[in-house]
Amino acid sequence: MSSRSMSRDTLFPNDLDLSIVGLGVEYPNFRVGPEALETIAAKYYPNTRALRKTLSINKYTGIETRATVGTAEHALINGARPPSIKQLNDFFMKEGVALAVTACQKAIAEWGGDVHQITHVVSTTCTNSANPGFDHYVCKKLGIKSDVEKVLLHGVGCSGGLAAIRTAAGLALGFSSRKRPARILTLACEITSLMVRSELDSIDQDQEVRIGVCLFSDCASACVVSNGIGGEESNVLYELLGWKHDVLEDSEADLRFDVDPLGWKVVLSQRVPTLASARVPLAFESLVESIPSLGKGERSRAVDFDWALHPGGATIITAIERVMELTREHLRASAEIYMQYGNSSSATIMSVLDNLRESPKRDHVATCAFGPGVVLELMILKVGKSLLDKCLG
């Protein structure tokens, strides 16, 4: 569909006035290399063919270190049995909440506003399912007012960070229609590393290779989304121009995060890179055409954008690079976060954006993430003028 054939109600207006005005990322203190998984496996599991193949993959993921809440000697992963879902919940509610609070404090500090100006909180995690949710306790520790509207996204996995920003944008536009200011704290928090024993248990029992145990890490990230009403923002990092959500048909079995008495089990099929990358070109074209301010030709091609891709794995990065005819330089922030920290599920995309804003090469950014379903999230951002001026001189 060309932009000329699009009806007006399918186009994003040029004056959304939505922006990200603060970003914060908090990784835990520990970094572990591929040898950590080998240490745990050798200590508790027989050297089966499935385990050997998993450990072989572990050496060649492209990840140098993963951010984790502990080393291979952490008490929770060195018991007679893997930690139960109750133990994982108790740990998350203490350490995960603390990580999230710090990430939020960083985002709020960069924004420069007061916590009492926050109108909404949108949160996501796939590594905790407590009720009330972890966001309830984060808000209490931050001192956010009790009547602030909260939304906790569930079931969105690795796409959760971008889905949370999309949800925040919709809420902000609702307040804009009422001519009310919106300052929306958006946060993601994941602790995946403590499920290593559960994953290794499944490899041993089912004798199937499970690559999720080689990829995932821990992180919390946050941003503040503003609708610009109530005072001009002095620190616009990214302007939100438009977004797209899509579901790949008949792909539910390919990417899942299944609840289990020992936490959650990652299901990640070999088809995911091919399925995901095949959908991106048309979805990207459709999204760009729905944003009139991008025009045609220059600024409408994939190569005219920096890319903030959720680095789900090396094959995902390579597949998107190939189908969108990009270079590794376009995907430099995603590749760097992946190599240094691993895949922190929903918290990763804001970490990539935080990294990218240190050295933008282009004035627009295409952000992309995949989650269980398989779900595709796309968003187009414009780099804030002050940020671009600072970095490009």
Protein backbone atom coordinates (compact mmCIF):
# COMPACT_ATOMS: atom_id res chain seq x y z
CA MET A 1 0.00 0.00 0.00
CA SER A 2 1.45 3.36 -0.96
CA SER A 3 1.10 6.44 1.22
CA ARG A 4 -1.12 7.99 -1.44
CA SER A 5 -3.64 5.16 -1.09
CA MET A 6 -3.69 5.32 2.70
CA SER A 7 -6.78 6.86 4.25
CA ARG A 8 -6.20 9.79 6.57
CA ASP A 9 -7.17 7.78 9.64
CA THR A 10 -4.28 5.36 9.02
CA LEU A 11 -1.67 8.13 9.06
CA PHE A 12 0.11 9.41 12.13
CA PRO A 13 -0.26 13.19 12.51
CA ASN A 14 2.85 15.33 12.30
CA ASP A 15 2.14 16.91 15.68
CA LEU A 16 2.02 13.96 18.09
CA ASP A 17 4.34 15.93 20.40
CA LEU A 18 5.41 12.75 22.18
CA SER A 19 8.98 12.35 23.34
CA ILE A 20 11.32 10.35 25.56
CA VAL A 21 12.85 12.87 27.97
CA GLY A 22 14.79 10.61 30.33
CA LEU A 23 16.43 7.18 30.16
CA GLY A 24 17.88 4.98 32.88
CA VAL A 25 19.49 1.54 32.77
CA GLU A 26 20.69 -0.55 35.69
CA TYR A 27 22.57 -3.82 35.29
CA PRO A 28 23.49 -5.90 38.35
CA ASN A 29 27.12 -5.94 39.46
CA PHE A 30 28.24 -9.33 38.18
CA ARG A 31 29.47 -10.32 34.70
CA VAL A 32 29.87 -13.95 33.73
CA GLY A 33 31.38 -15.47 30.60
CA PRO A 34 30.49 -18.71 28.81
CA GLU A 35 32.54 -20.66 31.34
CA ALA A 36 29.96 -20.01 34.10
CA LEU A 37 27.37 -22.24 32.41
CA GLU A 38 30.00 -24.93 31.91
CA THR A 39 30.87 -24.80 35.62
CA ILE A 40 27.26 -25.23 36.75
CA ALA A 41 26.57 -27.98 34.21
CA ALA A 42 29.65 -29.97 35.16
CA LYS A 43 28.78 -29.72 38.85
CA TYR A 44 25.22 -31.03 38.67
CA TYR A 45 24.50 -32.82 35.36
CA PRO A 46 25.80 -35.84 33.42
CA ASN A 47 27.75 -35.16 30.24
CA THR A 48 25.05 -36.15 27.77
CA ARG A 49 24.92 -35.45 24.05
CA ALA A 50 22.22 -32.78 24.46
CA LEU A 51 24.24 -31.01 27.14
CA ARG A 52 27.44 -31.15 25.10
CA LYS A 53 25.68 -29.62 22.10
CA THR A 54 24.14 -26.87 24.26
CA LEU A 55 27.52 -26.05 25.79
CA SER A 56 29.09 -25.98 22.32
CA ILE A 57 26.51 -23.39 21.23
CA ASN A 58 27.22 -21.49 24.44
CA LYS A 59 30.81 -20.88 23.29
CA TYR A 60 29.78 -19.26 20.01
CA THR A 61 26.80 -17.02 20.80
CA GLY A 62 28.83 -13.85 20.28
CA ILE A 63 28.23 -12.87 23.91
CA GLU A 64 31.44 -12.10 25.78
CA THR A 65 29.81 -11.50 29.17
CA ARG A 66 26.31 -11.58 30.60
CA ALA A 67 25.04 -9.30 33.37
CA THR A 68 23.78 -11.38 36.29
CA VAL A 69 22.72 -11.02 39.91
CA GLY A 70 25.39 -13.48 40.99
CA THR A 71 28.23 -15.74 39.94
CA ALA A 72 28.16 -19.47 39.30
CA GLU A 73 28.50 -19.85 43.09
CA HIS A 74 25.22 -18.07 43.90
CA ALA A 75 23.38 -19.94 46.66
CA LEU A 76 20.05 -20.17 44.84
CA ILE A 77 21.55 -22.09 41.91
CA ASN A 78 23.66 -24.37 44.06
CA GLY A 79 21.02 -26.19 46.04
CA ALA A 80 20.11 -29.85 45.77
CA ARG A 81 17.30 -28.79 43.43
CA PRO A 82 16.72 -25.77 41.19
CA PRO A 83 15.06 -22.85 42.99
CA SER A 84 11.26 -23.01 43.16
CA ILE A 85 9.01 -20.36 41.69
CA LYS A 86 8.40 -19.10 45.25
CA GLN A 87 12.12 -18.67 45.83
CA LEU A 88 12.48 -16.87 42.51
CA ASN A 89 9.56 -14.60 43.38
CA ASP A 90 11.00 -13.73 46.79
CA PHE A 91 14.35 -12.86 45.23
CA PHE A 92 12.77 -10.79 42.44
CA MET A 93 10.64 -8.82 44.88
CA LYS A 94 13.78 -7.77 46.72
CA GLU A 95 16.57 -7.53 44.15
CA GLY A 96 14.50 -7.01 41.01
CA VAL A 97 12.50 -4.21 42.60
CA ALA A 98 15.76 -2.60 43.76
CA LEU A 99 17.19 -2.74 40.23
CA ALA A 100 14.00 -1.23 38.81
CA VAL A 101 13.95 1.58 41.38
CA THR A 102 17.52 2.57 40.48
CA ALA A 103 16.78 2.55 36.73
CA CYS A 104 13.69 4.70 37.33
CA GLN A 105 15.61 7.14 39.51
CA LYS A 106 18.15 7.58 36.71
CA ALA A 107 15.42 8.25 34.12
CA ILE A 108 13.58 10.69 36.40
CA ALA A 109 16.82 12.53 37.25
CA GLU A 110 17.68 12.97 33.59
CA TRP A 111 14.17 14.20 32.84
CA GLY A 112 14.59 16.77 35.61
CA GLY A 113 10.97 16.72 36.76
CA ASP A 114 9.47 15.87 40.11
CA VAL A 115 8.20 12.39 40.91
CA HIS A 116 4.83 13.95 41.80
CA GLN A 117 4.45 15.11 38.17
CA ILE A 118 4.30 11.51 36.96
CA THR A 119 0.78 10.78 35.70
CA HIS A 120 1.07 7.12 34.69
CA VAL A 121 3.36 4.14 35.17
CA VAL A 122 3.64 1.41 32.51
CA SER A 123 5.69 -1.63 33.49
CA THR A 124 6.57 -5.03 32.13
CA THR A 125 8.35 -8.22 33.14
CA CYS A 126 8.21 -11.85 32.10
CA THR A 127 10.20 -13.17 35.05
CA ASN A 128 7.69 -12.44 37.78
CA SER A 129 3.92 -12.82 38.02
CA ALA A 130 3.12 -11.67 41.57
CA ASN A 131 -0.10 -9.87 42.46
CA PRO A 132 0.17 -7.04 43.26
CA GLY A 133 2.83 -6.72 40.61
CA PHE A 134 6.39 -5.59 41.14
CA ASP A 135 5.42 -2.15 39.81
CA HIS A 136 3.32 -1.60 42.94
CA TYR A 137 6.42 -1.88 45.13
CA VAL A 138 8.59 0.16 42.76
CA CYS A 139 6.06 3.00 42.94
CA LYS A 140 5.97 2.85 46.73
CA LYS A 141 9.76 3.08 46.97
CA LEU A 142 9.87 5.97 44.48
CA GLY A 143 7.18 7.87 46.38
CA ILE A 144 4.78 7.97 43.43
CA LYS A 145 1.29 9.09 44.41
CA SER A 146 -1.27 6.37 45.04
CA ASP A 147 -3.73 7.72 42.46
CA VAL A 148 -1.26 7.53 39.56
CA GLU A 149 -2.64 5.22 36.87
CA LYS A 150 -0.64 2.00 36.52
CA VAL A 151 -0.50 -0.66 33.78
CA LEU A 152 1.51 -3.90 34.07
CA LEU A 153 2.01 -5.74 30.78
CA HIS A 154 2.18 -9.54 30.86
CA GLY A 155 2.77 -12.20 28.21
CA VAL A 156 4.86 -9.98 25.92
CA GLY A 157 8.35 -11.29 26.73
CA CYS A 158 11.24 -9.74 24.83
CA SER A 159 8.95 -7.29 23.02
CA GLY A 160 7.75 -5.92 26.35
CA GLY A 161 10.02 -2.86 26.54
CA LEU A 162 8.86 -1.53 23.18
CA ALA A 163 5.27 -2.57 23.88
CA ALA A 164 5.44 -0.58 27.12
CA ILE A 165 6.63 2.55 25.29
CA ARG A 166 3.83 2.06 22.72
CA THR A 167 1.31 1.74 25.55
CA ALA A 168 2.70 4.87 27.21
CA ALA A 169 2.33 6.73 23.91
CA GLY A 170 -1.35 5.79 23.70
CA LEU A 171 -1.98 6.91 27.26
CA ALA A 172 -0.16 10.18 26.61
CA LEU A 173 -2.29 10.87 23.54
CA GLY A 174 -5.41 10.26 25.62
CA PHE A 175 -4.30 12.98 28.02
CA SER A 176 -3.38 15.23 25.08
CA SER A 177 -6.96 14.99 23.80
CA ARG A 178 -8.08 16.31 27.20
CA LYS A 179 -5.38 19.00 27.12
CA ARG A 180 -3.78 17.53 30.22
CA PRO A 181 -0.04 17.01 30.80
CA ALA A 182 1.23 13.44 30.75
CA ARG A 183 4.58 12.30 32.12
CA ILE A 184 4.66 8.52 31.96
CA LEU A 185 7.26 6.43 33.73
CA THR A 186 7.89 3.32 31.61
CA LEU A 187 9.93 0.46 33.05
CA ALA A 188 11.05 -3.10 32.43
CA CYS A 189 12.83 -5.50 34.76
CA GLU A 190 14.05 -9.04 34.20
CA ILE A 191 15.99 -11.56 36.30
CA THR A 192 16.57 -14.61 34.13
CA SER A 193 19.94 -15.92 35.35
CA LEU A 194 18.56 -17.78 38.37
CA MET A 195 16.58 -20.08 36.06
CA VAL A 196 19.76 -21.69 34.76
CA ARG A 197 19.26 -24.85 36.84
CA SER A 198 15.69 -25.21 35.68
CA GLU A 199 16.83 -25.00 32.05
CA LEU A 200 19.65 -27.49 32.61
CA ASP A 201 17.16 -29.83 34.30
CA SER A 202 15.04 -29.81 31.14
CA ILE A 203 18.06 -30.47 28.94
CA ASP A 204 18.96 -33.46 31.10
CA GLN A 205 15.43 -34.86 31.38
CA ASP A 206 14.26 -34.29 27.78
CA GLN A 207 17.64 -34.67 26.06
CA GLU A 208 16.86 -31.66 23.90
CA VAL A 209 19.07 -28.66 23.17
CA ARG A 210 17.81 -25.44 24.76
CA ILE A 211 19.64 -22.32 23.62
CA GLY A 212 17.86 -19.85 25.89
CA VAL A 213 20.17 -20.86 28.73
CA CYS A 214 23.09 -19.53 26.63
CA LEU A 215 21.60 -16.08 25.93
CA PHE A 216 19.69 -14.48 28.77
CA SER A 217 20.84 -11.97 31.40
CA ASP A 218 19.51 -9.56 34.04
CA CYS A 219 18.65 -5.86 33.77
CA ALA A 220 16.20 -3.09 34.61
CA SER A 221 15.56 -0.09 32.38
CA ALA A 222 13.22 2.89 32.37
CA CYS A 223 12.26 5.99 30.43
CA VAL A 224 9.95 8.98 30.87
CA VAL A 225 7.50 9.68 28.03
CA SER A 226 6.09 13.22 27.75
CA ASN A 227 3.22 14.72 25.75
CA GLY A 228 4.78 18.19 25.98
CA ILE A 229 1.80 19.83 27.68
CA GLY A 230 2.54 21.82 30.80
CA GLY A 231 5.93 23.17 29.82
CA GLU A 232 8.48 22.74 27.06
CA GLU A 233 10.83 19.83 27.60
CA SER A 234 14.49 20.85 27.65
CA ASN A 235 15.91 17.35 27.28
CA VAL A 236 14.22 15.59 24.37
CA LEU A 237 16.20 12.44 23.64
CA TYR A 238 13.85 10.92 21.07
CA GLU A 239 10.58 12.06 19.49
CA LEU A 240 7.98 9.32 18.88
CA LEU A 241 6.71 9.48 15.29
CA GLY A 242 4.73 6.25 14.88
CA TRP A 243 4.53 2.58 15.77
CA LYS A 244 3.24 -0.78 14.58
CA HIS A 245 2.24 -4.03 16.30
CA ASP A 246 1.87 -7.24 14.30
CA VAL A 247 1.44 -10.96 14.99
CA LEU A 248 3.05 -13.61 12.83
CA GLU A 249 0.47 -16.26 11.95
CA ASP A 250 0.78 -19.80 13.32
CA SER A 251 3.96 -19.09 15.24
CA GLU A 252 2.82 -19.56 18.86
CA ALA A 253 4.89 -22.72 19.23
CA ASP A 254 8.12 -21.05 18.09
CA LEU A 255 8.68 -18.49 20.82
CA ARG A 256 7.26 -19.00 24.31
CA PHE A 257 8.09 -18.50 27.97
CA ASP A 258 6.13 -21.22 29.75
CA VAL A 259 5.31 -21.12 33.46
CA ASP A 260 6.75 -23.99 35.45
CA PRO A 261 7.07 -24.98 39.14
CA LEU A 262 10.77 -24.11 38.77
CA GLY A 263 10.17 -20.69 37.21
CA TRP A 264 9.71 -20.29 33.47
CA LYS A 265 10.95 -22.32 30.52
CA VAL A 266 12.23 -20.63 27.37
CA VAL A 267 11.04 -22.09 24.06
CA LEU A 268 12.96 -20.67 21.10
CA SER A 269 12.79 -22.58 17.83
CA GLN A 270 15.27 -22.42 14.98
CA ARG A 271 12.56 -20.88 12.81
CA VAL A 272 12.41 -17.61 14.76
CA PRO A 273 15.13 -15.65 12.87
CA THR A 274 13.62 -16.61 9.50
CA LEU A 275 10.02 -15.97 10.57
CA ALA A 276 10.82 -12.64 12.22
CA SER A 277 13.08 -11.24 9.53
CA ALA A 278 10.65 -12.18 6.75
CA ARG A 279 7.97 -9.93 8.25
CA VAL A 280 10.11 -6.86 8.96
CA PRO A 281 10.55 -5.40 5.43
CA LEU A 282 6.83 -5.02 4.69
CA ALA A 283 6.02 -3.94 8.25
CA PHE A 284 8.76 -1.31 8.12
CA GLU A 285 7.57 -0.04 4.73
CA SER A 286 3.99 0.17 5.99
CA LEU A 287 5.01 2.04 9.12
CA VAL A 288 7.20 4.53 7.25
CA GLU A 289 4.37 5.23 4.80
CA SER A 290 2.04 5.98 7.72
CA ILE A 291 4.33 8.80 8.92
CA PRO A 292 3.93 11.72 6.45
CA SER A 293 6.81 13.71 7.94
CA LEU A 294 9.27 11.12 6.61
CA GLY A 295 8.29 11.83 3.02
CA LYS A 296 9.55 9.61 0.22
CA GLY A 297 12.97 8.57 -0.98
CA GLU A 298 15.60 9.71 1.48
CA ARG A 299 14.58 9.12 5.11
CA SER A 300 12.21 6.36 4.00
CA ARG A 301 14.77 3.63 3.30
CA ALA A 302 16.00 1.28 6.00
CA VAL A 303 19.60 2.39 5.45
CA ASP A 304 18.64 5.99 6.25
CA PHE A 305 17.90 5.02 9.87
CA ASP A 306 19.97 3.97 12.82
CA TRP A 307 18.52 0.70 14.11
CA ALA A 308 17.74 -0.16 17.72
CA LEU A 309 17.00 -3.87 17.35
CA HIS A 310 16.29 -6.09 20.32
CA PRO A 311 19.32 -8.41 20.16
CA GLY A 312 17.52 -11.69 20.72
CA GLY A 313 20.53 -13.59 19.42
CA ALA A 314 23.33 -13.34 16.87
CA THR A 315 21.18 -14.99 14.19
CA ILE A 316 18.41 -12.41 14.73
CA ILE A 317 20.86 -9.53 14.30
CA THR A 318 22.38 -11.10 11.19
CA ALA A 319 18.98 -11.91 9.66
CA ILE A 320 17.66 -8.35 10.05
CA GLU A 321 20.94 -6.94 8.76
CA ARG A 322 20.60 -9.09 5.64
CA VAL A 323 16.91 -8.60 4.77
CA MET A 324 16.99 -4.84 5.42
CA GLU A 325 20.31 -4.45 3.55
CA LEU A 326 21.97 -2.83 6.54
CA THR A 327 25.55 -2.82 7.72
CA ARG A 328 26.74 -3.76 11.19
CA GLU A 329 27.29 -0.02 11.75
CA HIS A 330 23.50 0.52 11.53
CA LEU A 331 23.07 -2.09 14.27
CA ARG A 332 26.13 -1.14 16.33
CA ALA A 333 24.23 -0.37 19.55
CA SER A 334 22.32 -3.66 19.46
CA ALA A 335 25.49 -5.62 18.74
CA GLU A 336 27.42 -3.90 21.53
CA ILE A 337 24.74 -4.45 24.18
CA TYR A 338 24.38 -8.08 23.11
CA MET A 339 28.13 -8.69 23.26
CA GLN A 340 28.68 -6.96 26.60
CA TYR A 341 25.52 -7.87 28.52
CA GLY A 342 23.54 -10.56 26.67
CA ASN A 343 19.80 -10.65 26.06
CA SER A 344 17.93 -9.17 29.04
CA SER A 345 14.50 -9.78 27.49
CA SER A 346 12.10 -6.80 27.80
CA ALA A 347 14.67 -4.56 29.52
CA THR A 348 17.10 -4.71 26.60
CA ILE A 349 15.53 -2.32 24.07
CA MET A 350 15.80 0.72 26.36
CA SER A 351 19.40 -0.24 27.06
CA VAL A 352 20.04 -0.25 23.30
CA LEU A 353 18.42 3.20 22.98
CA ASP A 354 20.52 4.43 25.89
CA ASN A 355 23.65 3.19 24.15
CA LEU A 356 22.64 4.60 20.77
CA ARG A 357 22.03 8.11 22.05
CA GLU A 358 25.74 8.35 22.89
CA SER A 359 26.69 8.29 19.20
CA PRO A 360 23.78 8.78 16.78
CA LYS A 361 24.86 8.77 13.13
CA ARG A 362 21.46 9.54 11.64
CA ASP A 363 18.55 11.70 12.72
CA HIS A 364 15.97 8.89 12.76
CA VAL A 365 15.91 5.52 14.53
CA ALA A 366 13.95 2.38 13.68
CA THR A 367 13.32 0.31 16.79
CA CYS A 368 12.29 -3.32 16.51
CA ALA A 369 11.61 -6.21 18.91
CA PHE A 370 10.06 -9.67 18.82
CA GLY A 371 8.14 -11.45 21.55
CA PRO A 372 6.07 -14.57 22.20
CA GLY A 373 3.31 -15.05 19.68
CA VAL A 374 5.46 -14.39 17.59
CA VAL A 375 4.77 -10.66 17.99
CA LEU A 376 6.57 -7.88 16.14
CA GLU A 377 6.86 -4.38 17.59
CA LEU A 378 8.17 -1.52 15.45
CA MET A 379 8.56 2.16 16.28
CA ILE A 380 10.10 5.13 14.46
CA LEU A 381 11.88 7.75 16.54
CA LYS A 382 13.49 11.06 15.68
CA VAL A 383 16.67 11.91 17.57
CA GLY A 384 16.23 15.02 19.71
CA LYS A 385 17.82 18.14 18.22
CA SER A 386 19.96 18.97 21.24
CA LEU A 387 21.23 15.39 21.37
CA LEU A 388 22.00 15.36 17.67
CA ASP A 389 23.75 18.73 17.82
CA LYS A 390 25.84 17.55 20.75
CA CYS A 391 26.93 14.35 19.07
CA LEU A 392 27.30 15.52 15.45
CA GLY A 393 28.63 18.98 16.24
